Amino acid sequence: MYNNSYGNGYYNTYSQNINDRIDNQIAQLQQMKEQMKNQQPAINQTFQLAPQHSGIRYVNTIDDVKKEIIYGDTPFFSKDLTVLWIKNIKGEIKAYELNEIVEKDAKDMQIDYLQAQIEELKGMIKNDANVTNATSKQDTTSSTTDDDTNGTTIEKVEPSSISKVSTSKKK
């Protein structure tokens, strides 16, 4: 019953086909292995160990600066660009006040100079308004002379000095 020649031939052919396929796959794998040995591809893999932040960070308050984790000296600007905080890796924070520098040409500088002079003159006018001429209790010198025409004596009284007394207070 099991000695059927048709069945044995089919089995032998099937098994031979499987063996051939396995041998072909082994040969292909060996060829790939040889190709891999001959080709050593360059490994180009980068690792980002720390987040990279480019330069400027904007914050609202110094509390926001304190909360931020940094990996190097990092500048933080307030949203209105009036304050700069620099935080170092130790967590120390230095604060700086920022003022805009406006370039002035010759005309602008002359206008500023003239305005400063006007203000100075206004100050001088205010100070002079507080200064009064003091004529009370002045030293006087009197002199008497004889008038030869009619025989009477003429008495002349003149102040010896006139002085300005300032009533403004010095700062």
Protein backbone atom coordinates (compact mmCIF):
# COMPACT_ATOMS: atom_id res chain seq x y z
CA MET A 1 0.00 0.00 0.00
CA TYR A 2 2.79 2.47 0.81
CA ASN A 3 5.02 1.20 -1.92
CA ASN A 4 3.42 3.30 -4.63
CA SER A 5 6.04 4.50 -7.08
CA TYR A 6 3.97 7.53 -8.06
CA GLY A 7 3.88 8.75 -4.49
CA ASN A 8 7.59 8.22 -3.94
CA GLY A 9 8.52 10.13 -7.06
CA TYR A 10 6.37 13.04 -6.08
CA TYR A 11 7.88 13.09 -2.62
CA ASN A 12 11.42 12.89 -4.00
CA THR A 13 10.77 15.72 -6.46
CA TYR A 14 9.12 17.85 -3.76
CA SER A 15 11.97 17.26 -1.35
CA GLN A 16 14.53 17.96 -4.05
CA ASN A 17 12.81 21.28 -4.89
CA ILE A 18 12.84 22.30 -1.25
CA ASN A 19 16.51 21.38 -0.91
CA ASP A 20 17.33 23.39 -4.05
CA ARG A 21 15.42 26.41 -2.79
CA ILE A 22 17.17 26.24 0.58
CA ASP A 23 20.56 25.90 -1.14
CA ASN A 24 19.76 28.89 -3.36
CA GLN A 25 18.74 31.00 -0.35
CA ILE A 26 21.92 30.01 1.51
CA ALA A 27 23.99 30.98 -1.54
CA GLN A 28 22.20 34.34 -1.77
CA LEU A 29 22.77 35.02 1.93
CA GLN A 30 26.47 34.16 1.56
CA GLN A 31 26.74 36.51 -1.41
CA MET A 32 25.09 39.27 0.66
CA LYS A 33 27.46 38.51 3.52
CA GLU A 34 30.46 38.87 1.19
CA GLN A 35 29.11 42.13 -0.22
CA MET A 36 28.63 43.50 3.30
CA LYS A 37 32.22 42.61 4.19
CA ASN A 38 33.49 44.41 1.10
CA GLN A 39 31.27 47.46 1.69
CA GLN A 40 31.64 49.14 5.01
CA PRO A 41 29.02 51.87 5.01
CA ALA A 42 29.80 55.10 6.81
CA ILE A 43 27.75 55.42 9.94
CA ASN A 44 26.33 58.91 10.08
CA GLN A 45 24.17 59.05 13.13
CA THR A 46 24.00 62.11 15.30
CA PHE A 47 22.81 62.27 18.86
CA GLN A 48 21.36 65.37 20.45
CA LEU A 49 22.38 65.19 24.07
CA ALA A 50 21.05 68.59 25.09
CA PRO A 51 18.44 70.80 23.52
CA GLN A 52 19.92 73.45 21.28
CA HIS A 53 18.40 76.89 21.68
CA SER A 54 19.51 79.62 19.42
CA GLY A 55 20.50 82.71 21.32
CA ILE A 56 17.64 84.80 22.54
CA ARG A 57 14.85 83.74 24.84
CA TYR A 58 11.96 86.01 25.74
CA VAL A 59 10.40 85.94 29.23
CA ASN A 60 8.00 88.05 31.26
CA THR A 61 9.72 88.15 34.66
CA ILE A 62 12.83 87.02 36.48
CA ASP A 63 10.77 84.16 37.90
CA ASP A 64 10.52 82.75 34.38
CA VAL A 65 14.32 82.98 34.09
CA LYS A 66 14.76 81.08 37.36
CA LYS A 67 12.48 78.27 36.14
CA GLU A 68 14.31 77.71 32.84
CA ILE A 69 16.82 74.87 32.62
CA ILE A 70 19.91 75.87 30.67
CA TYR A 71 23.09 74.15 29.47
CA GLY A 72 25.31 77.21 29.02
CA ASP A 73 25.31 80.97 29.55
CA THR A 74 21.96 82.08 28.21
CA PRO A 75 20.53 85.58 27.65
CA PHE A 76 16.88 86.26 28.46
CA PHE A 77 15.11 89.42 27.29
CA SER A 78 11.92 90.90 28.66
CA LYS A 79 9.10 91.08 26.14
CA ASP A 80 9.40 94.89 25.95
CA LEU A 81 13.22 94.66 25.54
CA THR A 82 14.00 96.88 28.53
CA VAL A 83 15.68 94.24 30.72
CA LEU A 84 18.33 91.63 29.94
CA TRP A 85 19.03 88.74 32.29
CA ILE A 86 22.03 86.46 31.78
CA LYS A 87 21.84 83.12 33.54
CA ASN A 88 24.94 80.98 33.82
CA ILE A 89 25.20 77.24 34.30
CA LYS A 90 25.48 77.62 38.09
CA GLY A 91 22.09 79.33 38.15
CA GLU A 92 23.46 82.78 38.92
CA ILE A 93 21.51 85.57 37.22
CA LYS A 94 22.78 89.04 36.32
CA ALA A 95 20.29 91.73 35.31
CA TYR A 96 20.93 94.65 32.97
CA GLU A 97 18.73 97.58 32.01
CA LEU A 98 18.57 98.31 28.29
CA ASN A 99 18.14 101.78 26.82
CA GLU A 100 17.80 102.57 23.16
CA ILE A 101 20.67 104.53 21.67
CA VAL A 102 19.39 107.05 19.18
CA GLU A 103 21.97 108.38 16.77
CA LYS A 104 21.90 112.15 16.47
CA ASP A 105 23.18 114.23 13.62
CA ALA A 106 24.70 117.71 13.99
CA LYS A 107 21.31 119.45 13.84
CA ASP A 108 19.83 117.26 16.57
CA MET A 109 22.84 117.90 18.82
CA GLN A 110 22.54 121.66 18.22
CA ILE A 111 18.82 121.56 19.10
CA ASP A 112 19.60 119.69 22.34
CA TYR A 113 22.32 122.23 23.18
CA LEU A 114 20.00 125.19 22.58
CA GLN A 115 17.22 123.59 24.62
CA ALA A 116 19.65 123.08 27.50
CA GLN A 117 20.63 126.75 27.30
CA ILE A 118 16.96 127.79 27.35
CA GLU A 119 16.38 125.69 30.46
CA GLU A 120 19.44 127.22 32.10
CA LEU A 121 18.18 130.73 31.36
CA LYS A 122 14.74 129.86 32.75
CA GLY A 123 16.43 128.71 35.94
CA MET A 124 18.38 131.95 36.15
CA ILE A 125 15.16 133.98 35.72
CA LYS A 126 13.47 132.06 38.53
CA ASN A 127 16.46 132.64 40.82
CA ASP A 128 16.51 136.39 40.03
CA ALA A 129 12.82 136.66 40.86
CA ASN A 130 13.63 135.44 44.35
CA VAL A 131 16.42 138.02 44.78
CA THR A 132 15.36 141.43 46.16
CA ASN A 133 17.29 144.65 46.60
CA ALA A 134 17.63 145.20 50.31
CA THR A 135 17.63 148.86 51.21
CA SER A 136 16.59 148.59 54.80
CA LYS A 137 19.14 149.26 57.43
CA GLN A 138 21.89 150.44 55.18
CA ASP A 139 25.01 152.16 56.41
CA THR A 140 24.84 155.79 55.52
CA THR A 141 27.48 158.41 55.39
CA SER A 142 26.58 161.98 55.98
CA SER A 143 28.54 164.99 55.06
CA THR A 144 27.95 168.63 55.80
CA THR A 145 29.09 171.50 53.71
CA ASP A 146 28.65 175.22 53.97
CA ASP A 147 26.83 176.95 51.20
CA ASP A 148 28.81 180.09 50.68
CA THR A 149 26.12 181.88 48.72
CA ASN A 150 23.55 182.30 51.46
CA GLY A 151 25.31 181.06 54.62
CA THR A 152 23.34 177.85 55.23
CA THR A 153 24.62 174.38 55.91
CA ILE A 154 23.76 171.58 53.48
CA GLU A 155 23.61 168.02 54.80
CA LYS A 156 23.98 165.15 52.30
CA VAL A 157 22.99 161.59 53.23
CA GLU A 158 24.05 158.78 50.85
CA PRO A 159 24.00 155.06 51.32
CA SER A 160 27.50 153.65 51.60
CA SER A 161 26.69 150.44 49.71
CA ILE A 162 23.84 148.70 47.94
CA SER A 163 23.77 144.94 48.17
CA LYS A 164 21.67 142.17 46.71
CA VAL A 165 20.39 139.65 49.18
CA SER A 166 19.29 136.29 47.81
CA THR A 167 16.36 134.63 49.47
CA SER A 168 16.64 131.37 47.54
CA LYS A 169 17.87 128.31 49.33
CA LYS A 170 20.89 126.44 48.05
CA LYS A 171 20.48 122.71 47.45
